[in-house]
C-alpha atoms as a PDB file:
ATOM      1  CA  MET A   1     123.139  79.654 114.456  1.00  0.00           C
ATOM      2  CA  LEU A   2     119.687  78.461 113.387  1.00  0.00           C
ATOM      3  CA  ASP A   3     119.385  77.529 109.710  1.00  0.00           C
ATOM      4  CA  PRO A   4     116.635  79.541 107.926  1.00  0.00           C
ATOM      5  CA  ARG A   5     115.920  76.594 105.630  1.00  0.00           C
ATOM      6  CA  LYS A   6     115.144  74.419 108.625  1.00  0.00           C
ATOM      7  CA  LEU A   7     113.045  77.227 110.136  1.00  0.00           C
ATOM      8  CA  HIS A   8     111.050  77.230 106.916  1.00  0.00           C
ATOM      9  CA  LEU A   9     110.342  73.519 107.347  1.00  0.00           C
ATOM     10  CA  LEU A  10     109.224  74.079 110.939  1.00  0.00           C
ATOM     11  CA  ARG A  11     106.857  76.846 109.841  1.00  0.00           C
ATOM     12  CA  GLU A  12     105.439  74.591 107.149  1.00  0.00           C
ATOM     13  CA  LEU A  13     104.880  71.846 109.717  1.00  0.00           C
ATOM     14  CA  ALA A  14     102.945  74.316 111.870  1.00  0.00           C
ATOM     15  CA  GLN A  15     100.826  75.238 108.849  1.00  0.00           C
ATOM     16  CA  ARG A  16     100.336  71.822 107.236  1.00  0.00           C
ATOM     17  CA  GLY A  17     100.180  69.556 110.266  1.00  0.00           C
ATOM     18  CA  THR A  18     102.109  66.508 109.043  1.00  0.00           C
ATOM     19  CA  ILE A  19     105.638  65.748 107.917  1.00  0.00           C
ATOM     20  CA  ALA A  20     104.239  64.017 104.827  1.00  0.00           C
ATOM     21  CA  ALA A  21     102.424  67.202 103.783  1.00  0.00           C
ATOM     22  CA  VAL A  22     105.572  69.263 104.342  1.00  0.00           C
ATOM     23  CA  ALA A  23     107.616  66.808 102.311  1.00  0.00           C
ATOM     24  CA  GLU A  24     105.171  66.989  99.421  1.00  0.00           C
ATOM     25  CA  ALA A  25     105.183  70.792  99.500  1.00  0.00           C
ATOM     26  CA  VAL A  26     108.970  71.154  99.438  1.00  0.00           C
ATOM     27  CA  THR A  27     109.649  68.091  97.232  1.00  0.00           C
ATOM     28  CA  PHE A  28     111.698  66.327  99.927  1.00  0.00           C
ATOM     29  CA  THR A  29     111.183  62.816 101.207  1.00  0.00           C
ATOM     30  CA  PRO A  30     109.463  62.555 104.609  1.00  0.00           C
ATOM     31  CA  SER A  31     112.693  61.047 105.957  1.00  0.00           C
ATOM     32  CA  ALA A  32     114.686  64.084 104.773  1.00  0.00           C
ATOM     33  CA  VAL A  33     112.209  66.478 106.410  1.00  0.00           C
ATOM     34  CA  SER A  34     112.387  64.518 109.679  1.00  0.00           C
ATOM     35  CA  GLN A  35     116.183  64.616 109.584  1.00  0.00           C
ATOM     36  CA  GLN A  36     116.211  68.375 108.986  1.00  0.00           C
ATOM     37  CA  LEU A  37     113.788  68.988 111.850  1.00  0.00           C
ATOM     38  CA  SER A  38     115.819  66.762 114.167  1.00  0.00           C
ATOM     39  CA  ALA A  39     118.915  68.780 113.229  1.00  0.00           C
ATOM     40  CA  LEU A  40     117.007  71.980 114.028  1.00  0.00           C
ATOM     41  CA  GLU A  41     116.157  70.577 117.475  1.00  0.00           C
ATOM     42  CA  ARG A  42     119.856  69.947 118.090  1.00  0.00           C
ATOM     43  CA  GLU A  43     120.670  73.492 116.992  1.00  0.00           C
ATOM     44  CA  ALA A  44     117.922  74.903 119.242  1.00  0.00           C
ATOM     45  CA  GLY A  45     118.973  72.806 122.227  1.00  0.00           C
ATOM     46  CA  VAL A  46     115.368  72.081 123.284  1.00  0.00           C
ATOM     47  CA  PRO A  47     112.693  69.647 122.078  1.00  0.00           C
ATOM     48  CA  LEU A  48     110.601  71.256 119.334  1.00  0.00           C
ATOM     49  CA  LEU A  49     108.431  68.259 118.410  1.00  0.00           C
ATOM     50  CA  GLU A  50     106.447  65.674 120.302  1.00  0.00           C
ATOM     51  CA  ARG A  51     106.260  62.354 118.469  1.00  0.00           C
ATOM     52  CA  THR A  52     103.500  59.864 119.254  1.00  0.00           C
ATOM     53  CA  GLY A  53     103.574  57.029 116.763  1.00  0.00           C
ATOM     54  CA  ARG A  54     103.181  58.722 113.376  1.00  0.00           C
ATOM     55  CA  THR A  55     101.736  61.893 114.887  1.00  0.00           C
ATOM     56  CA  VAL A  56     103.980  64.921 115.348  1.00  0.00           C
ATOM     57  CA  THR A  57     102.958  68.064 117.254  1.00  0.00           C
ATOM     58  CA  LEU A  58     104.885  71.176 118.215  1.00  0.00           C
ATOM     59  CA  THR A  59     106.031  71.643 121.794  1.00  0.00           C
ATOM     60  CA  PRO A  60     105.573  75.063 123.443  1.00  0.00           C
ATOM     61  CA  ALA A  61     109.191  75.792 122.492  1.00  0.00           C
ATOM     62  CA  GLY A  62     108.420  74.720 118.926  1.00  0.00           C
ATOM     63  CA  ARG A  63     105.453  77.086 118.718  1.00  0.00           C
ATOM     64  CA  LEU A  64     107.576  79.891 120.118  1.00  0.00           C
ATOM     65  CA  LEU A  65     110.275  79.251 117.541  1.00  0.00           C
ATOM     66  CA  VAL A  66     107.683  79.322 114.735  1.00  0.00           C
ATOM     67  CA  GLU A  67     106.774  82.870 115.758  1.00  0.00           C
ATOM     68  CA  HIS A  68     110.421  83.902 115.579  1.00  0.00           C
ATOM     69  CA  ALA A  69     110.899  81.928 112.356  1.00  0.00           C
ATOM     70  CA  GLN A  70     108.175  83.990 110.730  1.00  0.00           C
ATOM     71  CA  ALA A  71     109.992  87.208 111.655  1.00  0.00           C
ATOM     72  CA  VAL A  72     113.314  85.844 110.366  1.00  0.00           C
ATOM     73  CA  LEU A  73     111.835  84.642 107.084  1.00  0.00           C
ATOM     74  CA  GLU A  74     110.011  87.957 106.614  1.00  0.00           C
ATOM     75  CA  GLN A  75     113.287  89.844 107.014  1.00  0.00           C
ATOM     76  CA  LEU A  76     114.931  87.570 104.458  1.00  0.00           C
ATOM     77  CA  GLU A  77     112.094  88.344 102.033  1.00  0.00           C
ATOM     78  CA  ARG A  78     112.685  92.063 102.635  1.00  0.00           C
ATOM     79  CA  ALA A  79     116.380  91.600 101.965  1.00  0.00           C
ATOM     80  CA  SER A  80     115.639  89.745  98.740  1.00  0.00           C
ATOM     81  CA  ALA A  81     113.276  92.528  97.649  1.00  0.00           C
ATOM     82  CA  ALA A  82     115.829  95.228  98.494  1.00  0.00           C
ATOM     83  CA  LEU A  83     118.590  93.471  96.557  1.00  0.00           C
ATOM     84  CA  ALA A  84     116.294  93.064  93.555  1.00  0.00           C
ATOM     85  CA  ALA A  85     115.513  96.790  93.675  1.00  0.00           C
ATOM     86  CA  ALA A  86     119.247  97.571  93.832  1.00  0.00           C
ATOM     87  CA  ARG A  87     119.835  95.572  90.655  1.00  0.00           C
ATOM     88  CA  GLY A  88     117.522  97.835  88.672  1.00  0.00           C
ATOM     89  CA  GLY A  89     114.079  97.591  87.118  1.00  0.00           C
ATOM     90  CA  PRO A  90     111.791  94.543  87.194  1.00  0.00           C
ATOM     91  CA  SER A  91     113.006  91.682  85.031  1.00  0.00           C
ATOM     92  CA  GLY A  92     112.901  87.922  84.735  1.00  0.00           C
ATOM     93  CA  PRO A  93     110.141  85.440  85.596  1.00  0.00           C
ATOM     94  CA  LEU A  94     107.135  86.574  87.630  1.00  0.00           C
ATOM     95  CA  ARG A  95     104.865  83.733  88.742  1.00  0.00           C
ATOM     96  CA  VAL A  96     101.280  84.919  89.110  1.00  0.00           C
ATOM     97  CA  GLY A  97      98.365  82.862  90.436  1.00  0.00           C
ATOM     98  CA  ALA A  98      94.770  83.806  89.695  1.00  0.00           C
ATOM     99  CA  PHE A  99      91.278  82.409  90.089  1.00  0.00           C
ATOM    100  CA  PRO A 100      89.464  81.834  86.758  1.00  0.00           C
ATOM    101  CA  THR A 101      87.338  85.016  86.626  1.00  0.00           C
ATOM    102  CA  ALA A 102      90.342  87.209  87.341  1.00  0.00           C
ATOM    103  CA  ALA A 103      92.427  85.283  84.810  1.00  0.00           C
ATOM    104  CA  ARG A 104      89.809  85.891  82.134  1.00  0.00           C
ATOM    105  CA  VAL A 105      88.747  89.481  82.870  1.00  0.00           C
ATOM    106  CA  LEU A 106      91.498  91.262  84.817  1.00  0.00           C
ATOM    107  CA  LEU A 107      94.741  89.647  83.734  1.00  0.00           C
ATOM    108  CA  PRO A 108      94.647  90.325  79.950  1.00  0.00           C
ATOM    109  CA  PRO A 109      94.611  94.141  80.336  1.00  0.00           C
ATOM    110  CA  ALA A 110      96.961  93.917  83.325  1.00  0.00           C
ATOM    111  CA  LEU A 111      99.473  91.848  81.335  1.00  0.00           C
ATOM    112  CA  ALA A 112      99.280  94.313  78.448  1.00  0.00           C
ATOM    113  CA  GLU A 113      99.968  97.123  80.914  1.00  0.00           C
ATOM    114  CA  LEU A 114     102.838  95.170  82.466  1.00  0.00           C
ATOM    115  CA  SER A 115     104.528  94.287  79.180  1.00  0.00           C
ATOM    116  CA  GLY A 116     104.333  97.899  78.021  1.00  0.00           C
ATOM    117  CA  ALA A 117     105.828  99.309  81.217  1.00  0.00           C
ATOM    118  CA  HIS A 118     108.313  96.508  81.976  1.00  0.00           C
ATOM    119  CA  PRO A 119     109.180  94.503  78.852  1.00  0.00           C
ATOM    120  CA  ALA A 120     111.973  92.630  80.666  1.00  0.00           C
ATOM    121  CA  LEU A 121     109.456  90.950  82.972  1.00  0.00           C
ATOM    122  CA  GLU A 122     108.249  87.457  82.030  1.00  0.00           C
ATOM    123  CA  PRO A 123     104.863  86.881  83.717  1.00  0.00           C
ATOM    124  CA  MET A 124     103.878  83.219  84.057  1.00  0.00           C
ATOM    125  CA  ILE A 125     100.213  82.618  84.913  1.00  0.00           C
ATOM    126  CA  SER A 126      98.703  79.672  86.790  1.00  0.00           C
ATOM    127  CA  GLU A 127      95.001  79.261  87.562  1.00  0.00           C
ATOM    128  CA  ILE A 128      94.548  78.384  91.238  1.00  0.00           C
ATOM    129  CA  ASP A 129      91.720  78.415  93.745  1.00  0.00           C
ATOM    130  CA  PRO A 130      92.246  81.046  96.458  1.00  0.00           C
ATOM    131  CA  ALA A 131      92.060  78.295  99.087  1.00  0.00           C
ATOM    132  CA  ASP A 132      95.336  76.887  97.704  1.00  0.00           C
ATOM    133  CA  VAL A 133      97.201  80.183  97.322  1.00  0.00           C
ATOM    134  CA  SER A 134      98.739  80.405 100.801  1.00  0.00           C
ATOM    135  CA  ALA A 135     100.582  77.122 100.436  1.00  0.00           C
ATOM    136  CA  ALA A 136     101.765  77.967  96.914  1.00  0.00           C
ATOM    137  CA  LEU A 137     103.110  81.380  97.976  1.00  0.00           C
ATOM    138  CA  ARG A 138     104.887  80.002 101.041  1.00  0.00           C
ATOM    139  CA  ALA A 139     106.458  77.256  98.948  1.00  0.00           C
ATOM    140  CA  GLY A 140     107.762  79.837  96.475  1.00  0.00           C
ATOM    141  CA  GLU A 141     105.683  78.393  93.639  1.00  0.00           C
ATOM    142  CA  LEU A 142     104.064  81.822  93.174  1.00  0.00           C
ATOM    143  CA  ASP A 143     105.366  85.371  93.640  1.00  0.00           C
ATOM    144  CA  VAL A 144     101.995  87.118  93.738  1.00  0.00           C
ATOM    145  CA  ALA A 145      98.415  85.926  93.445  1.00  0.00           C
ATOM    146  CA  LEU A 146      94.924  87.289  92.913  1.00  0.00           C
ATOM    147  CA  VAL A 147      92.596  85.985  95.611  1.00  0.00           C
ATOM    148  CA  HIS A 148      89.047  86.749  96.677  1.00  0.00           C
ATOM    149  CA  GLU A 149      86.998  86.976  99.842  1.00  0.00           C
ATOM    150  CA  TYR A 150      83.231  86.669 100.247  1.00  0.00           C
ATOM    151  CA  ASP A 151      80.705  87.879 102.745  1.00  0.00           C
ATOM    152  CA  PHE A 152      79.752  84.990 105.057  1.00  0.00           C
ATOM    153  CA  VAL A 153      83.197  83.385 104.582  1.00  0.00           C
ATOM    154  CA  PRO A 154      85.929  84.474 107.029  1.00  0.00           C
ATOM    155  CA  PRO A 155      89.078  85.515 105.162  1.00  0.00           C
ATOM    156  CA  VAL A 156      91.885  82.973 105.083  1.00  0.00           C
ATOM    157  CA  THR A 157      94.502  84.186 107.558  1.00  0.00           C
ATOM    158  CA  ASP A 158      98.168  83.266 107.229  1.00  0.00           C
ATOM    159  CA  ALA A 159     100.767  85.170 109.227  1.00  0.00           C
ATOM    160  CA  SER A 160     103.338  84.563 106.500  1.00  0.00           C
ATOM    161  CA  LEU A 161     101.299  86.457 103.875  1.00  0.00           C
ATOM    162  CA  GLU A 162      99.966  89.965 103.363  1.00  0.00           C
ATOM    163  CA  THR A 163      97.362  91.306 100.966  1.00  0.00           C
ATOM    164  CA  GLU A 164      96.499  94.540  99.167  1.00  0.00           C
ATOM    165  CA  PRO A 165      92.825  95.256  98.340  1.00  0.00           C
ATOM    166  CA  LEU A 166      92.041  95.748  94.650  1.00  0.00           C
ATOM    167  CA  PHE A 167      88.266  96.007  94.130  1.00  0.00           C
ATOM    168  CA  SER A 168      84.845  94.810  95.266  1.00  0.00           C
ATOM    169  CA  GLU A 169      81.927  93.586  93.159  1.00  0.00           C
ATOM    170  CA  PRO A 170      78.323  92.628  93.924  1.00  0.00           C
ATOM    171  CA  MET A 171      76.907  89.111  93.801  1.00  0.00           C
ATOM    172  CA  TYR A 172      73.805  88.143  91.827  1.00  0.00           C
ATOM    173  CA  LEU A 173      71.220  85.383  92.129  1.00  0.00           C
ATOM    174  CA  THR A 174      70.053  83.784  88.905  1.00  0.00           C
ATOM    175  CA  ASN A 175      66.352  83.598  87.987  1.00  0.00           C
ATOM    176  CA  ARG A 176      65.015  84.502  91.438  1.00  0.00           C
ATOM    177  CA  THR A 177      64.803  87.803  93.302  1.00  0.00           C
ATOM    178  CA  SER A 178      66.043  86.670  96.735  1.00  0.00           C
ATOM    179  CA  ILE A 179      67.864  83.741  98.312  1.00  0.00           C
ATOM    180  CA  GLY A 180      64.835  82.970 100.482  1.00  0.00           C
ATOM    181  CA  GLU A 181      62.673  82.687  97.352  1.00  0.00           C
ATOM    182  CA  ALA A 182      65.082  80.006  96.066  1.00  0.00           C
ATOM    183  CA  ARG A 183      64.670  77.830  99.148  1.00  0.00           C
ATOM    184  CA  ASP A 184      62.964  74.981  97.272  1.00  0.00           C
ATOM    185  CA  GLU A 185      64.992  75.244  94.058  1.00  0.00           C
ATOM    186  CA  PRO A 186      67.860  72.976  93.041  1.00  0.00           C
ATOM    187  CA  TRP A 187      71.174  74.788  93.350  1.00  0.00           C
ATOM    188  CA  ILE A 188      74.308  75.004  91.236  1.00  0.00           C
ATOM    189  CA  THR A 189      77.411  75.571  93.364  1.00  0.00           C
ATOM    190  CA  SER A 190      81.158  75.333  92.998  1.00  0.00           C
ATOM    191  CA  THR A 191      83.140  72.279  94.063  1.00  0.00           C
ATOM    192  CA  PRO A 192      83.156  71.544  97.816  1.00  0.00           C
ATOM    193  CA  GLY A 193      86.307  72.845  99.434  1.00  0.00           C
ATOM    194  CA  THR A 194      86.365  76.103  97.462  1.00  0.00           C
ATOM    195  CA  LEU A 195      85.563  79.524  98.898  1.00  0.00           C
ATOM    196  CA  CYS A 196      82.775  79.936  96.318  1.00  0.00           C
ATOM    197  CA  TYR A 197      81.081  76.799  97.590  1.00  0.00           C
ATOM    198  CA  ALA A 198      81.374  77.885 101.223  1.00  0.00           C
ATOM    199  CA  MET A 199      79.907  81.284 100.367  1.00  0.00           C
ATOM    200  CA  ALA A 200      76.844  79.785  98.643  1.00  0.00           C
ATOM    201  CA  ILE A 201      76.159  77.313 101.450  1.00  0.00           C
ATOM    202  CA  ARG A 202      76.507  79.919 104.182  1.00  0.00           C
ATOM    203  CA  ALA A 203      74.408  82.483 102.340  1.00  0.00           C
ATOM    204  CA  CYS A 204      71.586  79.934 102.190  1.00  0.00           C
ATOM    205  CA  GLN A 205      72.067  79.007 105.843  1.00  0.00           C
ATOM    206  CA  ALA A 206      71.826  82.691 106.763  1.00  0.00           C
ATOM    207  CA  ALA A 207      68.468  82.715 104.940  1.00  0.00           C
ATOM    208  CA  GLY A 208      67.336  79.789 107.092  1.00  0.00           C
ATOM    209  CA  PHE A 209      67.772  76.686 104.934  1.00  0.00           C
ATOM    210  CA  GLU A 210      70.241  74.150 103.578  1.00  0.00           C
ATOM    211  CA  PRO A 211      70.435  74.306  99.770  1.00  0.00           C
ATOM    212  CA  ARG A 212      69.630  71.216  97.744  1.00  0.00           C
ATOM    213  CA  VAL A 213      72.724  71.144  95.540  1.00  0.00           C
ATOM    214  CA  ARG A 214      72.222  69.379  92.225  1.00  0.00           C
ATOM    215  CA  HIS A 215      75.329  70.410  90.284  1.00  0.00           C
ATOM    216  CA  HIS A 216      78.919  71.265  91.248  1.00  0.00           C
ATOM    217  CA  ILE A 217      80.349  73.542  88.551  1.00  0.00           C
ATOM    218  CA  ASP A 218      83.417  75.779  88.915  1.00  0.00           C
ATOM    219  CA  ASP A 219      83.259  77.616  85.575  1.00  0.00           C
ATOM    220  CA  TYR A 220      80.761  80.485  85.748  1.00  0.00           C
ATOM    221  CA  ASP A 221      79.996  80.426  82.017  1.00  0.00           C
ATOM    222  CA  THR A 222      78.870  76.822  82.474  1.00  0.00           C
ATOM    223  CA  VAL A 223      76.943  77.780  85.623  1.00  0.00           C
ATOM    224  CA  LEU A 224      75.017  80.412  83.654  1.00  0.00           C
ATOM    225  CA  ALA A 225      74.372  77.967  80.813  1.00  0.00           C
ATOM    226  CA  PHE A 226      72.948  75.458  83.300  1.00  0.00           C
ATOM    227  CA  ALA A 227      70.794  78.182  84.863  1.00  0.00           C
ATOM    228  CA  ALA A 228      69.492  79.119  81.423  1.00  0.00           C
ATOM    229  CA  ALA A 229      68.569  75.477  80.880  1.00  0.00           C
ATOM    230  CA  GLY A 230      66.507  75.449  84.078  1.00  0.00           C
ATOM    231  CA  GLN A 231      68.942  73.254  85.959  1.00  0.00           C
ATOM    232  CA  GLY A 232      68.979  75.324  89.126  1.00  0.00           C
ATOM    233  CA  VAL A 233      69.764  78.690  90.654  1.00  0.00           C
ATOM    234  CA  ALA A 234      73.229  80.011  91.469  1.00  0.00           C
ATOM    235  CA  LEU A 235      75.144  82.892  92.973  1.00  0.00           C
ATOM    236  CA  VAL A 236      77.489  84.577  90.509  1.00  0.00           C
ATOM    237  CA  PRO A 237      79.806  87.603  90.844  1.00  0.00           C
ATOM    238  CA  HIS A 238      79.411  90.691  88.700  1.00  0.00           C
ATOM    239  CA  LEU A 239      82.425  90.115  86.458  1.00  0.00           C
ATOM    240  CA  ALA A 240      81.270  86.579  85.676  1.00  0.00           C
ATOM    241  CA  ALA A 241      77.821  87.788  84.604  1.00  0.00           C
ATOM    242  CA  LEU A 242      78.572  90.641  82.196  1.00  0.00           C
ATOM    243  CA  ALA A 243      76.794  88.899  79.298  1.00  0.00           C
ATOM    244  CA  PRO A 244      74.290  86.398  80.743  1.00  0.00           C
ATOM    245  CA  PRO A 245      72.703  84.021  78.220  1.00  0.00           C
ATOM    246  CA  GLN A 246      69.071  84.271  77.174  1.00  0.00           C
ATOM    247  CA  GLY A 247      66.842  82.791  79.838  1.00  0.00           C
ATOM    248  CA  VAL A 248      68.885  84.088  82.791  1.00  0.00           C
ATOM    249  CA  THR A 249      67.826  87.016  84.946  1.00  0.00           C
ATOM    250  CA  LEU A 250      70.071  88.467  87.614  1.00  0.00           C
ATOM    251  CA  ALA A 251      68.995  89.920  90.953  1.00  0.00           C
ATOM    252  CA  ALA A 252      71.566  91.986  92.825  1.00  0.00           C
ATOM    253  CA  LEU A 253      72.092  90.853  96.423  1.00  0.00           C
ATOM    254  CA  PRO A 254      73.527  92.617  99.478  1.00  0.00           C
ATOM    255  CA  LEU A 255      76.568  90.352  99.148  1.00  0.00           C
ATOM    256  CA  ASN A 256      80.000  91.169  97.771  1.00  0.00           C
ATOM    257  CA  ARG A 257      83.134  89.512  96.522  1.00  0.00           C
ATOM    258  CA  ARG A 258      86.401  91.324  97.189  1.00  0.00           C
ATOM    259  CA  THR A 259      89.540  90.748  95.123  1.00  0.00           C
ATOM    260  CA  LEU A 260      93.001  91.241  96.625  1.00  0.00           C
ATOM    261  CA  ALA A 261      96.625  90.775  95.652  1.00  0.00           C
ATOM    262  CA  ALA A 262      98.495  88.391  97.967  1.00  0.00           C
ATOM    263  CA  PHE A 263     102.237  87.916  98.436  1.00  0.00           C
ATOM    264  CA  ARG A 264     104.698  86.682 101.045  1.00  0.00           C
ATOM    265  CA  ARG A 265     105.105  89.035 103.979  1.00  0.00           C
ATOM    266  CA  GLY A 266     108.182  91.176 103.407  1.00  0.00           C
ATOM    267  CA  TYR A 267     108.187  90.456  99.648  1.00  0.00           C
ATOM    268  CA  GLY A 268     105.666  93.116  98.694  1.00  0.00           C
ATOM    269  CA  GLU A 269     108.373  95.695  97.926  1.00  0.00           C
ATOM    270  CA  HIS A 270     110.063  93.465  95.369  1.00  0.00           C
ATOM    271  CA  PRO A 271     110.067  95.535  92.160  1.00  0.00           C
ATOM    272  CA  ALA A 272     108.409  92.773  90.137  1.00  0.00           C
ATOM    273  CA  VAL A 273     105.607  92.392  92.682  1.00  0.00           C
ATOM    274  CA  ARG A 274     105.093  96.158  92.897  1.00  0.00           C
ATOM    275  CA  ALA A 275     104.985  96.345  89.103  1.00  0.00           C
ATOM    276  CA  ALA A 276     102.375  93.573  88.967  1.00  0.00           C
ATOM    277  CA  VAL A 277     100.165  95.177  91.618  1.00  0.00           C
ATOM    278  CA  ALA A 278     100.430  98.551  89.859  1.00  0.00           C
ATOM    279  CA  ALA A 279      99.337  96.859  86.623  1.00  0.00           C
ATOM    280  CA  PHE A 280      96.367  95.266  88.420  1.00  0.00           C
ATOM    281  CA  HIS A 281      95.258  98.672  89.688  1.00  0.00           C
ATOM    282  CA  ALA A 282      95.641 100.222  86.231  1.00  0.00           C
ATOM    283  CA  ALA A 283      93.617  97.434  84.617  1.00  0.00           C
ATOM    284  CA  ILE A 284      90.837  97.780  87.208  1.00  0.00           C
ATOM    285  CA  THR A 285      90.114 101.316  86.031  1.00  0.00           C
ATOM    286  CA  ARG A 286      89.011  99.811  82.706  1.00  0.00           C
ATOM    287  CA  LEU A 287      86.791  97.070  84.157  1.00  0.00           C
ATOM    288  CA  PRO A 288      82.983  97.423  83.932  1.00  0.00           C
ATOM    289  CA  LEU A 289      82.465  97.571  87.690  1.00  0.00           C
END
């Protein structure tokens, strides 16, 4: 019988690429992860890993087992959700991840809705960039997360996760009327490695130029303050620009940001997750979209 805990480690290796990264994610030592994977190979009866020096790659059998591991782990998530539903209404800790704009604008009314409908739930909020959500959900550090997608940036795909669309909002350009008009301006973008940064760079590339980035700022209030001070132009989403400071004009662009709820595949029917997503939808009806 294959051990689901070892299957989880194999799936993480397929996702993260190195034993060291898996060890960090699951708070094991690299040696312990290696031992668990070696034990899984003995249970499987075929080589699952190819080791070349410090490099480890999956064999064809290893890749095949990852596909089956995903199905097994999904069914275990469904079982966990079903048992939670059998115990009664939502209760206990609910770990929610959110990007900063959602944490500021969407979560306060959603949490009020949630506490009124399900007072036994204990939501615990962590700010997190959407690029880091997949790993946090798979590791069990989060139960549900608010993530976003942009035009020009392919959505992050992870077979172990599923999403539910929540809402879409337009993007604006500060102090210019089109991206092409801002070709020679200094730019204010988010930190490299974030989806917001990738969106800004690719939007400029689609307009035929590479932006000259002067500032890397993740907080949109600060971005708008810098734009008001003449420090550059920026792309900002609607909910981050509800009250722009004096000196900032906003031009609507044919670009959108879409917000979704993300959770582990099979875990979406957990009563706490369903309650959270229902609260998100209820709060959206009161947003100035």
